[in-house]
Amino acid sequence: MLGGECGLWQLPEGPLEVRGEARVGRLLMAHGAGAGPDSTFLQRLRDGLAVAGVQTLAIEFDYLQRMRREGRRRPPPGMNTLVEEMAAWCDLLSHPELPPLWLGGKSMGGRVASLLAVRDGAPGLVLCGYPFHPPGKPERLRLEHWPQLACPTLVVQGSRDPFGTRKEVAGYALPEVAHLHWLEDGDHDWRPRRASGTTQIRLIEEAAAAIAGFMGEYG
């Protein structure tokens, strides 16, 4: 695994799926609150990143593993617990003979990655559909730690994302390290409306190219 082999690994910490060759870089990917690394969205994104030269290492948080074992839904634990889990994965998967391990994730997973980057540092961040606020509650911003971000940070966001639209995010005071790539008419899963003339698959391909370009420039 530390040699960069691809495949699905069953480790004491949980399942790990490695996909793609690290021609551009390596990216630790955490999932969102309600869907795991096997979601259609993350599968398609990781396929696109593999084509673009980014190796992804997809992890699954413990609470989701318990959900699968027990066959019932449960809410995620607190952010501190998830940050500790991701930190353990980062320690396991980082290696001086391999390219630096960027941190990232979808929605909640991206929030966890950003908190870990503030706490421990990171080569870079890729945040896909960042949950700037809960839907319908724009006053409850999740940006308290953002002024402390010190690494290159790319946010890839659908322009209609109910967790943070283009209009809303334009009013935020984000740090200089933060860069935004907007996917026109995309929602939280980057699904556009039919009238937009594009598709989710095209927006995912656009996102993968943007992520690879960003990692290549700042890595």
N, C-alpha and C. Protein backbone atom coordinates (compact mmCIF):
# COMPACT_ATOMS: atom_id res chain seq x y z
N MET A 1 0.82 -1.21 0.00
CA MET A 1 0.00 0.00 0.00
C MET A 1 0.86 1.26 0.00
N LEU A 2 1.92 1.27 0.83
CA LEU A 2 2.77 2.45 0.85
C LEU A 2 3.54 2.62 -0.44
N GLY A 3 3.58 1.58 -1.25
CA GLY A 3 4.21 1.71 -2.55
C GLY A 3 3.30 2.34 -3.58
N GLY A 4 2.06 2.63 -3.19
CA GLY A 4 1.15 3.30 -4.10
C GLY A 4 0.25 2.36 -4.89
N GLU A 5 0.18 1.08 -4.48
CA GLU A 5 -0.65 0.15 -5.21
C GLU A 5 -2.13 0.54 -5.12
N CYS A 6 -2.86 0.25 -6.19
CA CYS A 6 -4.29 0.51 -6.21
C CYS A 6 -5.04 -0.72 -5.72
N GLY A 7 -6.24 -0.50 -5.22
CA GLY A 7 -7.07 -1.61 -4.78
C GLY A 7 -7.82 -1.27 -3.52
N LEU A 8 -8.60 -2.23 -3.04
CA LEU A 8 -9.38 -2.08 -1.82
C LEU A 8 -8.66 -2.82 -0.70
N TRP A 9 -8.41 -2.11 0.40
CA TRP A 9 -7.66 -2.66 1.52
C TRP A 9 -8.54 -2.68 2.76
N GLN A 10 -8.58 -3.81 3.44
CA GLN A 10 -9.30 -3.91 4.71
C GLN A 10 -8.28 -3.81 5.84
N LEU A 11 -8.25 -2.67 6.49
CA LEU A 11 -7.28 -2.39 7.53
C LEU A 11 -7.97 -2.32 8.89
N PRO A 12 -7.23 -2.40 9.98
CA PRO A 12 -7.86 -2.29 11.30
C PRO A 12 -8.65 -1.00 11.46
N GLU A 13 -8.21 0.06 10.80
CA GLU A 13 -8.93 1.34 10.89
C GLU A 13 -10.20 1.35 10.06
N GLY A 14 -10.32 0.43 9.11
CA GLY A 14 -11.48 0.38 8.24
C GLY A 14 -11.07 0.19 6.79
N PRO A 15 -12.04 0.22 5.87
CA PRO A 15 -11.71 0.04 4.45
C PRO A 15 -11.01 1.25 3.87
N LEU A 16 -10.08 0.97 2.96
CA LEU A 16 -9.37 2.01 2.23
C LEU A 16 -9.32 1.59 0.77
N GLU A 17 -9.77 2.49 -0.11
CA GLU A 17 -9.69 2.20 -1.54
C GLU A 17 -8.76 3.20 -2.20
N VAL A 18 -7.73 2.68 -2.85
CA VAL A 18 -6.75 3.51 -3.55
C VAL A 18 -7.01 3.39 -5.05
N ARG A 19 -7.12 4.53 -5.71
CA ARG A 19 -7.45 4.52 -7.15
C ARG A 19 -6.57 5.53 -7.88
N GLY A 20 -6.03 5.12 -9.02
CA GLY A 20 -5.26 6.02 -9.87
C GLY A 20 -3.79 6.05 -9.52
N GLU A 21 -3.01 6.59 -10.45
CA GLU A 21 -1.58 6.78 -10.24
C GLU A 21 -1.31 8.23 -9.88
N ALA A 22 -0.33 8.44 -9.01
CA ALA A 22 -0.04 9.79 -8.49
C ALA A 22 0.88 10.55 -9.43
N ARG A 23 0.44 10.72 -10.69
CA ARG A 23 1.25 11.50 -11.62
C ARG A 23 1.26 12.98 -11.23
N VAL A 24 0.15 13.45 -10.69
CA VAL A 24 0.05 14.84 -10.23
C VAL A 24 0.18 14.92 -8.72
N GLY A 25 -0.43 13.98 -8.01
CA GLY A 25 -0.37 14.01 -6.55
C GLY A 25 -1.28 12.98 -5.93
N ARG A 26 -1.30 12.97 -4.60
CA ARG A 26 -2.12 12.04 -3.82
C ARG A 26 -3.11 12.85 -3.00
N LEU A 27 -4.35 12.33 -2.90
CA LEU A 27 -5.42 13.05 -2.22
C LEU A 27 -6.20 12.09 -1.33
N LEU A 28 -6.17 12.35 -0.01
CA LEU A 28 -6.97 11.59 0.94
C LEU A 28 -8.39 12.13 0.89
N MET A 29 -9.36 11.27 0.57
CA MET A 29 -10.74 11.70 0.36
C MET A 29 -11.66 11.15 1.43
N ALA A 30 -12.35 12.06 2.14
CA ALA A 30 -13.35 11.67 3.13
C ALA A 30 -14.74 11.93 2.56
N HIS A 31 -15.69 11.14 3.00
CA HIS A 31 -17.05 11.21 2.46
C HIS A 31 -17.91 12.21 3.24
N GLY A 32 -19.13 12.42 2.74
CA GLY A 32 -20.08 13.29 3.40
C GLY A 32 -20.82 12.59 4.53
N ALA A 33 -21.75 13.31 5.14
CA ALA A 33 -22.43 12.78 6.33
C ALA A 33 -23.36 11.62 6.01
N GLY A 34 -24.02 11.67 4.84
CA GLY A 34 -25.06 10.69 4.57
C GLY A 34 -24.71 9.61 3.58
N ALA A 35 -23.61 9.73 2.87
CA ALA A 35 -23.24 8.75 1.85
C ALA A 35 -21.74 8.48 1.93
N GLY A 36 -21.36 7.23 1.77
CA GLY A 36 -19.97 6.83 1.94
C GLY A 36 -19.15 6.95 0.69
N PRO A 37 -17.93 6.40 0.72
CA PRO A 37 -17.05 6.48 -0.44
C PRO A 37 -17.55 5.69 -1.64
N ASP A 38 -18.54 4.83 -1.43
CA ASP A 38 -19.11 4.07 -2.55
C ASP A 38 -20.27 4.79 -3.22
N SER A 39 -20.55 6.04 -2.83
CA SER A 39 -21.62 6.79 -3.48
C SER A 39 -21.29 7.02 -4.95
N THR A 40 -22.31 7.13 -5.76
CA THR A 40 -22.11 7.35 -7.20
C THR A 40 -21.30 8.62 -7.43
N PHE A 41 -21.59 9.67 -6.68
CA PHE A 41 -20.88 10.94 -6.83
C PHE A 41 -19.38 10.75 -6.63
N LEU A 42 -18.99 10.15 -5.51
CA LEU A 42 -17.56 10.01 -5.22
C LEU A 42 -16.89 9.00 -6.15
N GLN A 43 -17.61 7.98 -6.57
CA GLN A 43 -17.04 7.03 -7.52
C GLN A 43 -16.71 7.74 -8.83
N ARG A 44 -17.64 8.53 -9.32
CA ARG A 44 -17.41 9.25 -10.58
C ARG A 44 -16.30 10.28 -10.44
N LEU A 45 -16.28 10.99 -9.32
CA LEU A 45 -15.23 11.99 -9.12
C LEU A 45 -13.87 11.34 -9.05
N ARG A 46 -13.76 10.23 -8.35
CA ARG A 46 -12.46 9.57 -8.21
C ARG A 46 -12.02 8.96 -9.54
N ASP A 47 -12.97 8.49 -10.35
CA ASP A 47 -12.61 8.04 -11.70
C ASP A 47 -12.04 9.19 -12.51
N GLY A 48 -12.71 10.34 -12.43
CA GLY A 48 -12.23 11.51 -13.16
C GLY A 48 -10.86 11.97 -12.69
N LEU A 49 -10.63 11.91 -11.38
CA LEU A 49 -9.33 12.30 -10.85
C LEU A 49 -8.24 11.32 -11.28
N ALA A 50 -8.57 10.04 -11.35
CA ALA A 50 -7.59 9.05 -11.81
C ALA A 50 -7.16 9.35 -13.24
N VAL A 51 -8.12 9.70 -14.09
CA VAL A 51 -7.80 10.05 -15.47
C VAL A 51 -6.90 11.28 -15.51
N ALA A 52 -7.14 12.22 -14.59
CA ALA A 52 -6.39 13.47 -14.56
C ALA A 52 -5.03 13.35 -13.86
N GLY A 53 -4.72 12.18 -13.32
CA GLY A 53 -3.41 11.98 -12.71
C GLY A 53 -3.35 12.14 -11.22
N VAL A 54 -4.51 12.19 -10.55
CA VAL A 54 -4.54 12.31 -9.09
C VAL A 54 -4.90 10.96 -8.49
N GLN A 55 -4.05 10.47 -7.62
CA GLN A 55 -4.37 9.23 -6.90
C GLN A 55 -5.22 9.58 -5.68
N THR A 56 -6.37 8.94 -5.55
CA THR A 56 -7.24 9.17 -4.41
C THR A 56 -7.18 7.99 -3.45
N LEU A 57 -7.23 8.30 -2.18
CA LEU A 57 -7.24 7.30 -1.12
C LEU A 57 -8.51 7.55 -0.31
N ALA A 58 -9.54 6.75 -0.56
CA ALA A 58 -10.86 6.98 0.02
C ALA A 58 -11.00 6.22 1.33
N ILE A 59 -11.38 6.94 2.39
CA ILE A 59 -11.54 6.34 3.70
C ILE A 59 -13.02 6.36 4.11
N GLU A 60 -13.34 5.59 5.13
CA GLU A 60 -14.70 5.55 5.65
C GLU A 60 -14.65 5.72 7.16
N PHE A 61 -15.38 6.71 7.67
CA PHE A 61 -15.38 6.97 9.09
C PHE A 61 -16.05 5.82 9.85
N ASP A 62 -15.69 5.69 11.12
CA ASP A 62 -16.14 4.55 11.92
C ASP A 62 -17.66 4.50 12.06
N TYR A 63 -18.32 5.66 12.20
CA TYR A 63 -19.76 5.64 12.40
C TYR A 63 -20.49 5.03 11.20
N LEU A 64 -19.95 5.24 9.99
CA LEU A 64 -20.57 4.68 8.80
C LEU A 64 -20.31 3.17 8.73
N GLN A 65 -19.14 2.75 9.17
CA GLN A 65 -18.88 1.31 9.24
C GLN A 65 -19.86 0.63 10.19
N ARG A 66 -20.15 1.29 11.32
CA ARG A 66 -21.13 0.73 12.28
C ARG A 66 -22.52 0.69 11.67
N MET A 67 -22.87 1.71 10.91
CA MET A 67 -24.17 1.72 10.24
C MET A 67 -24.32 0.51 9.32
N ARG A 68 -23.25 0.21 8.59
CA ARG A 68 -23.31 -0.93 7.67
C ARG A 68 -23.45 -2.25 8.44
N ARG A 69 -22.70 -2.36 9.53
CA ARG A 69 -22.77 -3.60 10.31
C ARG A 69 -24.13 -3.79 10.96
N GLU A 70 -24.71 -2.69 11.48
CA GLU A 70 -25.95 -2.78 12.24
C GLU A 70 -27.20 -2.65 11.38
N GLY A 71 -27.02 -2.17 10.15
CA GLY A 71 -28.16 -2.03 9.25
C GLY A 71 -29.12 -0.95 9.66
N ARG A 72 -28.64 0.06 10.34
CA ARG A 72 -29.51 1.20 10.71
C ARG A 72 -28.71 2.48 10.68
N ARG A 73 -29.41 3.58 10.45
CA ARG A 73 -28.76 4.86 10.33
C ARG A 73 -28.39 5.41 11.70
N ARG A 74 -27.32 6.17 11.74
CA ARG A 74 -26.91 6.86 12.95
C ARG A 74 -26.23 8.16 12.54
N PRO A 75 -26.35 9.20 13.35
CA PRO A 75 -25.73 10.47 13.00
C PRO A 75 -24.22 10.41 13.17
N PRO A 76 -23.50 11.26 12.46
CA PRO A 76 -22.06 11.32 12.67
C PRO A 76 -21.74 11.80 14.08
N PRO A 77 -20.58 11.43 14.60
CA PRO A 77 -20.17 11.97 15.90
C PRO A 77 -19.73 13.41 15.75
N GLY A 78 -19.22 13.98 16.82
CA GLY A 78 -18.75 15.36 16.78
C GLY A 78 -17.53 15.53 15.89
N MET A 79 -17.30 16.76 15.49
CA MET A 79 -16.18 17.06 14.59
C MET A 79 -14.84 16.62 15.18
N ASN A 80 -14.65 16.79 16.48
CA ASN A 80 -13.37 16.41 17.09
C ASN A 80 -13.06 14.93 16.89
N THR A 81 -14.08 14.10 17.02
CA THR A 81 -13.89 12.66 16.82
C THR A 81 -13.49 12.36 15.38
N LEU A 82 -14.16 13.00 14.44
CA LEU A 82 -13.86 12.77 13.03
C LEU A 82 -12.47 13.29 12.66
N VAL A 83 -12.09 14.42 13.24
CA VAL A 83 -10.75 14.96 12.98
C VAL A 83 -9.69 13.99 13.48
N GLU A 84 -9.90 13.40 14.65
CA GLU A 84 -8.93 12.43 15.18
C GLU A 84 -8.85 11.21 14.27
N GLU A 85 -9.98 10.75 13.76
CA GLU A 85 -9.97 9.61 12.84
C GLU A 85 -9.18 9.93 11.58
N MET A 86 -9.43 11.11 11.02
CA MET A 86 -8.74 11.47 9.79
C MET A 86 -7.25 11.66 10.04
N ALA A 87 -6.90 12.18 11.21
CA ALA A 87 -5.49 12.35 11.54
C ALA A 87 -4.78 11.00 11.60
N ALA A 88 -5.46 9.99 12.15
CA ALA A 88 -4.86 8.65 12.21
C ALA A 88 -4.63 8.10 10.81
N TRP A 89 -5.61 8.30 9.91
CA TRP A 89 -5.44 7.86 8.53
C TRP A 89 -4.28 8.61 7.87
N CYS A 90 -4.19 9.90 8.12
CA CYS A 90 -3.13 10.71 7.52
C CYS A 90 -1.76 10.21 7.96
N ASP A 91 -1.63 9.91 9.26
CA ASP A 91 -0.36 9.39 9.76
C ASP A 91 -0.02 8.05 9.11
N LEU A 92 -1.03 7.21 8.92
CA LEU A 92 -0.81 5.88 8.34
C LEU A 92 -0.39 5.96 6.88
N LEU A 93 -0.97 6.89 6.14
CA LEU A 93 -0.81 6.90 4.69
C LEU A 93 0.26 7.87 4.19
N SER A 94 0.76 8.73 5.05
CA SER A 94 1.85 9.63 4.65
C SER A 94 3.17 8.86 4.70
N HIS A 95 4.04 9.15 3.74
CA HIS A 95 5.31 8.45 3.67
C HIS A 95 6.32 9.35 2.95
N PRO A 96 7.54 9.46 3.47
CA PRO A 96 8.51 10.38 2.86
C PRO A 96 8.91 10.01 1.45
N GLU A 97 8.72 8.75 1.04
CA GLU A 97 9.10 8.33 -0.30
C GLU A 97 7.97 8.48 -1.31
N LEU A 98 6.82 8.97 -0.85
CA LEU A 98 5.67 9.18 -1.73
C LEU A 98 5.35 10.67 -1.82
N PRO A 99 4.62 11.09 -2.85
CA PRO A 99 4.22 12.50 -2.94
C PRO A 99 3.44 12.92 -1.69
N PRO A 100 3.51 14.18 -1.33
CA PRO A 100 2.78 14.66 -0.14
C PRO A 100 1.29 14.34 -0.24
N LEU A 101 0.69 14.04 0.89
CA LEU A 101 -0.71 13.66 0.94
C LEU A 101 -1.58 14.88 1.20
N TRP A 102 -2.30 15.32 0.15
CA TRP A 102 -3.28 16.39 0.32
C TRP A 102 -4.50 15.84 1.04
N LEU A 103 -5.24 16.73 1.69
CA LEU A 103 -6.45 16.34 2.40
C LEU A 103 -7.67 16.91 1.69
N GLY A 104 -8.76 16.15 1.71
CA GLY A 104 -9.96 16.66 1.07
C GLY A 104 -11.16 15.80 1.39
N GLY A 105 -12.28 16.19 0.81
CA GLY A 105 -13.49 15.43 1.04
C GLY A 105 -14.71 16.12 0.50
N LYS A 106 -15.80 15.39 0.56
CA LYS A 106 -17.11 15.87 0.13
C LYS A 106 -17.87 16.39 1.33
N SER A 107 -18.35 17.62 1.25
CA SER A 107 -19.23 18.20 2.26
C SER A 107 -18.63 18.06 3.67
N MET A 108 -19.24 17.26 4.53
CA MET A 108 -18.73 17.09 5.89
C MET A 108 -17.28 16.63 5.89
N GLY A 109 -16.92 15.74 4.97
CA GLY A 109 -15.55 15.27 4.90
C GLY A 109 -14.58 16.39 4.62
N GLY A 110 -14.99 17.35 3.80
CA GLY A 110 -14.14 18.51 3.54
C GLY A 110 -14.01 19.40 4.75
N ARG A 111 -15.08 19.53 5.50
CA ARG A 111 -15.02 20.32 6.74
C ARG A 111 -14.04 19.68 7.72
N VAL A 112 -14.09 18.35 7.85
CA VAL A 112 -13.16 17.65 8.73
C VAL A 112 -11.73 17.88 8.25
N ALA A 113 -11.50 17.77 6.95
CA ALA A 113 -10.17 17.96 6.39
C ALA A 113 -9.64 19.36 6.68
N SER A 114 -10.50 20.36 6.58
CA SER A 114 -10.06 21.73 6.83
C SER A 114 -9.72 21.95 8.30
N LEU A 115 -10.47 21.34 9.19
CA LEU A 115 -10.17 21.44 10.62
C LEU A 115 -8.84 20.78 10.94
N LEU A 116 -8.59 19.63 10.32
CA LEU A 116 -7.32 18.94 10.54
C LEU A 116 -6.16 19.74 9.98
N ALA A 117 -6.36 20.37 8.83
CA ALA A 117 -5.30 21.18 8.23
C ALA A 117 -4.93 22.35 9.13
N VAL A 118 -5.93 22.95 9.78
CA VAL A 118 -5.65 24.05 10.71
C VAL A 118 -4.89 23.53 11.92
N ARG A 119 -5.29 22.37 12.41
CA ARG A 119 -4.67 21.83 13.63
C ARG A 119 -3.25 21.32 13.41
N ASP A 120 -3.06 20.54 12.34
CA ASP A 120 -1.79 19.84 12.14
C ASP A 120 -1.02 20.29 10.91
N GLY A 121 -1.62 21.13 10.08
CA GLY A 121 -1.00 21.50 8.81
C GLY A 121 -1.29 20.48 7.74
N ALA A 122 -1.12 20.88 6.48
CA ALA A 122 -1.36 20.00 5.35
C ALA A 122 -0.70 20.60 4.12
N PRO A 123 -0.29 19.75 3.16
CA PRO A 123 0.27 20.29 1.92
C PRO A 123 -0.74 21.09 1.12
N GLY A 124 -2.02 20.70 1.21
CA GLY A 124 -3.07 21.40 0.49
C GLY A 124 -4.41 20.78 0.80
N LEU A 125 -5.48 21.49 0.43
CA LEU A 125 -6.85 21.05 0.69
C LEU A 125 -7.67 21.08 -0.59
N VAL A 126 -8.55 20.08 -0.75
CA VAL A 126 -9.53 20.07 -1.83
C VAL A 126 -10.89 19.82 -1.19
N LEU A 127 -11.76 20.83 -1.23
CA LEU A 127 -13.05 20.78 -0.56
C LEU A 127 -14.16 20.77 -1.60
N CYS A 128 -14.86 19.66 -1.70
CA CYS A 128 -15.89 19.47 -2.73
C CYS A 128 -17.27 19.67 -2.12
N GLY A 129 -17.92 20.75 -2.51
CA GLY A 129 -19.22 21.06 -1.92
C GLY A 129 -19.08 21.37 -0.44
N TYR A 130 -18.29 22.40 -0.12
CA TYR A 130 -18.07 22.71 1.29
C TYR A 130 -19.37 23.18 1.94
N PRO A 131 -19.69 22.67 3.15
CA PRO A 131 -20.92 23.08 3.84
C PRO A 131 -20.72 24.39 4.60
N PHE A 132 -20.75 25.49 3.87
CA PHE A 132 -20.52 26.78 4.50
C PHE A 132 -21.54 27.05 5.61
N HIS A 133 -22.74 26.54 5.44
CA HIS A 133 -23.80 26.68 6.46
C HIS A 133 -24.83 25.58 6.22
N PRO A 134 -25.64 25.24 7.23
CA PRO A 134 -26.72 24.28 6.99
C PRO A 134 -27.73 24.88 6.00
N PRO A 135 -28.36 24.05 5.18
CA PRO A 135 -29.35 24.58 4.23
C PRO A 135 -30.46 25.35 4.95
N GLY A 136 -30.76 26.52 4.42
CA GLY A 136 -31.83 27.33 5.00
C GLY A 136 -31.41 28.11 6.24
N LYS A 137 -30.15 27.99 6.66
CA LYS A 137 -29.68 28.69 7.86
C LYS A 137 -28.36 29.42 7.55
N PRO A 138 -28.42 30.41 6.68
CA PRO A 138 -27.19 31.08 6.24
C PRO A 138 -26.46 31.81 7.35
N GLU A 139 -27.13 32.04 8.47
CA GLU A 139 -26.48 32.75 9.57
C GLU A 139 -25.55 31.84 10.37
N ARG A 140 -25.68 30.52 10.20
CA ARG A 140 -24.86 29.58 10.97
C ARG A 140 -23.63 29.17 10.15
N LEU A 141 -22.72 30.09 10.01
CA LEU A 141 -21.54 29.85 9.18
C LEU A 141 -20.55 28.89 9.85
N ARG A 142 -19.90 28.09 9.02
CA ARG A 142 -18.90 27.14 9.50
C ARG A 142 -17.52 27.59 9.00
N LEU A 143 -17.17 28.81 9.37
CA LEU A 143 -15.94 29.42 8.88
C LEU A 143 -15.04 29.90 10.01
N GLU A 144 -15.34 29.51 11.27
CA GLU A 144 -14.57 30.03 12.39
C GLU A 144 -13.08 29.75 12.26
N HIS A 145 -12.73 28.59 11.73
CA HIS A 145 -11.32 28.19 11.65
C HIS A 145 -10.65 28.65 10.36
N TRP A 146 -11.40 29.14 9.41
CA TRP A 146 -10.83 29.47 8.11
C TRP A 146 -9.73 30.54 8.15
N PRO A 147 -9.81 31.55 9.00
CA PRO A 147 -8.71 32.52 9.03
C PRO A 147 -7.35 31.89 9.36
N GLN A 148 -7.36 30.69 9.93
CA GLN A 148 -6.10 30.03 10.30
C GLN A 148 -5.58 29.09 9.21
N LEU A 149 -6.33 28.95 8.11
CA LEU A 149 -5.85 28.10 7.03
C LEU A 149 -4.56 28.69 6.44
N ALA A 150 -3.56 27.83 6.28
CA ALA A 150 -2.26 28.31 5.78
C ALA A 150 -1.80 27.57 4.54
N CYS A 151 -2.56 26.60 4.06
CA CYS A 151 -2.14 25.81 2.90
C CYS A 151 -3.02 26.15 1.69
N PRO A 152 -2.54 25.86 0.49
CA PRO A 152 -3.37 26.08 -0.70
C PRO A 152 -4.69 25.32 -0.58
N THR A 153 -5.80 26.01 -0.77
CA THR A 153 -7.12 25.43 -0.55
C THR A 153 -8.00 25.69 -1.77
N LEU A 154 -8.52 24.62 -2.35
CA LEU A 154 -9.43 24.74 -3.48
C LEU A 154 -10.82 24.28 -3.05
N VAL A 155 -11.80 25.16 -3.24
CA VAL A 155 -13.20 24.82 -3.01
C VAL A 155 -13.86 24.67 -4.37
N VAL A 156 -14.43 23.49 -4.62
CA VAL A 156 -15.16 23.24 -5.86
C VAL A 156 -16.64 23.16 -5.48
N GLN A 157 -17.42 24.14 -5.94
CA GLN A 157 -18.77 24.33 -5.42
C GLN A 157 -19.76 24.53 -6.56
N GLY A 158 -20.90 23.87 -6.47
CA GLY A 158 -21.98 24.14 -7.40
C GLY A 158 -22.55 25.53 -7.13
N SER A 159 -22.87 26.26 -8.18
CA SER A 159 -23.32 27.65 -7.98
C SER A 159 -24.67 27.72 -7.28
N ARG A 160 -25.45 26.61 -7.28
CA ARG A 160 -26.75 26.57 -6.60
C ARG A 160 -26.69 25.78 -5.30
N ASP A 161 -25.53 25.48 -4.80
CA ASP A 161 -25.40 24.64 -3.61
C ASP A 161 -26.14 25.27 -2.43
N PRO A 162 -27.13 24.58 -1.83
CA PRO A 162 -27.86 25.17 -0.71
C PRO A 162 -27.01 25.30 0.55
N PHE A 163 -25.83 24.69 0.57
CA PHE A 163 -24.90 24.85 1.68
C PHE A 163 -23.98 26.06 1.48
N GLY A 164 -24.18 26.79 0.40
CA GLY A 164 -23.36 27.96 0.10
C GLY A 164 -23.41 28.27 -1.38
N THR A 165 -24.28 29.18 -1.79
CA THR A 165 -24.40 29.54 -3.20
C THR A 165 -23.29 30.53 -3.59
N ARG A 166 -23.18 30.72 -4.91
CA ARG A 166 -22.19 31.68 -5.39
C ARG A 166 -22.44 33.08 -4.79
N LYS A 167 -23.70 33.49 -4.75
CA LYS A 167 -24.03 34.82 -4.23
C LYS A 167 -23.68 34.92 -2.75
N GLU A 168 -23.99 33.88 -1.98
CA GLU A 168 -23.69 33.92 -0.55
C GLU A 168 -22.19 33.95 -0.29
N VAL A 169 -21.46 33.07 -0.96
CA VAL A 169 -20.02 32.96 -0.70
C VAL A 169 -19.29 34.23 -1.12
N ALA A 170 -19.83 34.94 -2.11
CA ALA A 170 -19.20 36.19 -2.54
C ALA A 170 -19.13 37.21 -1.41
N GLY A 171 -19.99 37.05 -0.42
CA GLY A 171 -20.01 37.98 0.71
C GLY A 171 -19.15 37.57 1.88
N TYR A 172 -18.48 36.43 1.79
CA TYR A 172 -17.64 35.95 2.88
C TYR A 172 -16.22 36.50 2.75
N ALA A 173 -15.60 36.75 3.88
CA ALA A 173 -14.20 37.18 3.90
C ALA A 173 -13.32 35.93 4.04
N LEU A 174 -12.95 35.35 2.92
CA LEU A 174 -12.15 34.12 2.92
C LEU A 174 -10.66 34.46 2.90
N PRO A 175 -9.81 33.59 3.44
CA PRO A 175 -8.37 33.87 3.44
C PRO A 175 -7.80 33.81 2.03
N GLU A 176 -6.64 34.43 1.86
CA GLU A 176 -6.02 34.50 0.54
C GLU A 176 -5.65 33.14 -0.01
N VAL A 177 -5.45 32.15 0.86
CA VAL A 177 -5.07 30.81 0.38
C VAL A 177 -6.23 30.08 -0.26
N ALA A 178 -7.45 30.58 -0.07
CA ALA A 178 -8.65 29.91 -0.57
C ALA A 178 -8.95 30.32 -2.01
N HIS A 179 -9.14 29.33 -2.86
CA HIS A 179 -9.50 29.55 -4.26
C HIS A 179 -10.82 28.83 -4.53
N LEU A 180 -11.67 29.47 -5.32
CA LEU A 180 -12.99 28.91 -5.61
C LEU A 180 -13.10 28.54 -7.08
N HIS A 181 -13.63 27.36 -7.35
CA HIS A 181 -13.98 26.97 -8.71
C HIS A 181 -15.46 26.67 -8.72
N TRP A 182 -16.22 27.48 -9.45
CA TRP A 182 -17.67 27.33 -9.48
C TRP A 182 -18.11 26.45 -10.63
N LEU A 183 -18.99 25.52 -10.34
CA LEU A 183 -19.59 24.65 -11.35
C LEU A 183 -20.98 25.20 -11.65
N GLU A 184 -21.13 25.74 -12.84
CA GLU A 184 -22.33 26.49 -13.19
C GLU A 184 -23.58 25.64 -13.09
N ASP A 185 -24.54 26.10 -12.28
CA ASP A 185 -25.87 25.53 -12.08
C ASP A 185 -25.85 24.23 -11.27
N GLY A 186 -24.70 23.82 -10.75
CA GLY A 186 -24.64 22.60 -9.96
C GLY A 186 -25.23 22.79 -8.57
N ASP A 187 -25.80 21.70 -8.02
CA ASP A 187 -26.29 21.72 -6.65
C ASP A 187 -25.22 21.14 -5.73
N HIS A 188 -25.60 20.62 -4.57
CA HIS A 188 -24.61 20.11 -3.63
C HIS A 188 -23.87 18.89 -4.16
N ASP A 189 -24.54 18.11 -5.01
CA ASP A 189 -23.90 16.97 -5.67
C ASP A 189 -23.53 17.29 -7.10
N TRP A 190 -23.48 18.58 -7.43
CA TRP A 190 -23.08 19.07 -8.74
C TRP A 190 -24.04 18.60 -9.85
N ARG A 191 -25.31 18.43 -9.48
CA ARG A 191 -26.34 18.11 -10.48
C ARG A 191 -26.93 19.42 -10.99
N PRO A 192 -26.85 19.69 -12.29
CA PRO A 192 -27.46 20.90 -12.84
C PRO A 192 -28.91 20.63 -13.24
N ARG A 193 -29.63 21.70 -13.44
CA ARG A 193 -30.98 21.56 -13.98
C ARG A 193 -30.90 21.21 -15.47
N ARG A 194 -31.91 20.51 -15.94
CA ARG A 194 -31.90 20.06 -17.34
C ARG A 194 -31.78 21.24 -18.29
N ALA A 195 -32.42 22.37 -17.94
CA ALA A 195 -32.40 23.54 -18.82
C ALA A 195 -31.01 24.16 -18.94
N SER A 196 -30.08 23.77 -18.07
CA SER A 196 -28.74 24.36 -18.11
C SER A 196 -27.96 23.94 -19.34
N GLY A 197 -28.32 22.81 -19.93
CA GLY A 197 -27.60 22.33 -21.10
C GLY A 197 -26.37 21.50 -20.79
N THR A 198 -26.12 21.25 -19.50
CA THR A 198 -24.98 20.41 -19.14
C THR A 198 -25.48 19.26 -18.28
N THR A 199 -24.55 18.44 -17.79
CA THR A 199 -24.92 17.26 -17.00
C THR A 199 -24.00 17.16 -15.79
N GLN A 200 -24.41 16.34 -14.83
CA GLN A 200 -23.56 16.12 -13.66
C GLN A 200 -22.22 15.51 -14.07
N ILE A 201 -22.24 14.58 -15.01
CA ILE A 201 -20.99 13.94 -15.44
C ILE A 201 -20.03 14.98 -16.00
N ARG A 202 -20.53 15.91 -16.79
CA ARG A 202 -19.65 16.95 -17.35
C ARG A 202 -19.09 17.85 -16.26
N LEU A 203 -19.93 18.18 -15.28
CA LEU A 203 -19.45 19.03 -14.19
C LEU A 203 -18.42 18.29 -13.34
N ILE A 204 -18.59 17.00 -13.13
CA ILE A 204 -17.60 16.22 -12.40
C ILE A 204 -16.29 16.17 -13.17
N GLU A 205 -16.36 16.01 -14.48
CA GLU A 205 -15.13 16.03 -15.30
C GLU A 205 -14.44 17.38 -15.21
N GLU A 206 -15.23 18.47 -15.24
CA GLU A 206 -14.66 19.81 -15.10
C GLU A 206 -13.98 19.95 -13.74
N ALA A 207 -14.65 19.44 -12.70
CA ALA A 207 -14.09 19.53 -11.35
C ALA A 207 -12.79 18.75 -11.24
N ALA A 208 -12.76 17.55 -11.80
CA ALA A 208 -11.55 16.73 -11.73
C ALA A 208 -10.38 17.42 -12.40
N ALA A 209 -10.63 18.04 -13.55
CA ALA A 209 -9.58 18.76 -14.25
C ALA A 209 -9.10 19.96 -13.43
N ALA A 210 -10.04 20.65 -12.78
CA ALA A 210 -9.68 21.81 -11.96
C ALA A 210 -8.85 21.40 -10.75
N ILE A 211 -9.23 20.29 -10.13
CA ILE A 211 -8.50 19.80 -8.96
C ILE A 211 -7.08 19.39 -9.35
N ALA A 212 -6.97 18.64 -10.43
CA ALA A 212 -5.64 18.20 -10.88
C ALA A 212 -4.77 19.41 -11.24
N GLY A 213 -5.36 20.39 -11.90
CA GLY A 213 -4.61 21.59 -12.25
C GLY A 213 -4.13 22.34 -11.02
N PHE A 214 -4.99 22.44 -10.04
CA PHE A 214 -4.64 23.14 -8.80
C PHE A 214 -3.53 22.41 -8.05
N MET A 215 -3.67 21.10 -7.94
CA MET A 215 -2.64 20.31 -7.24
C MET A 215 -1.32 20.35 -7.98
N GLY A 216 -1.38 20.36 -9.31
CA GLY A 216 -0.15 20.46 -10.08
C GLY A 216 0.53 21.80 -9.92
N GLU A 217 -0.27 22.87 -9.80
CA GLU A 217 0.29 24.20 -9.66
C GLU A 217 0.88 24.44 -8.27
N TYR A 218 0.19 23.96 -7.24
CA TYR A 218 0.59 24.26 -5.88
C TYR A 218 1.32 23.11 -5.19
N GLY A 219 1.37 21.94 -5.84
CA GLY A 219 2.04 20.79 -5.23
C GLY A 219 3.51 20.78 -5.51
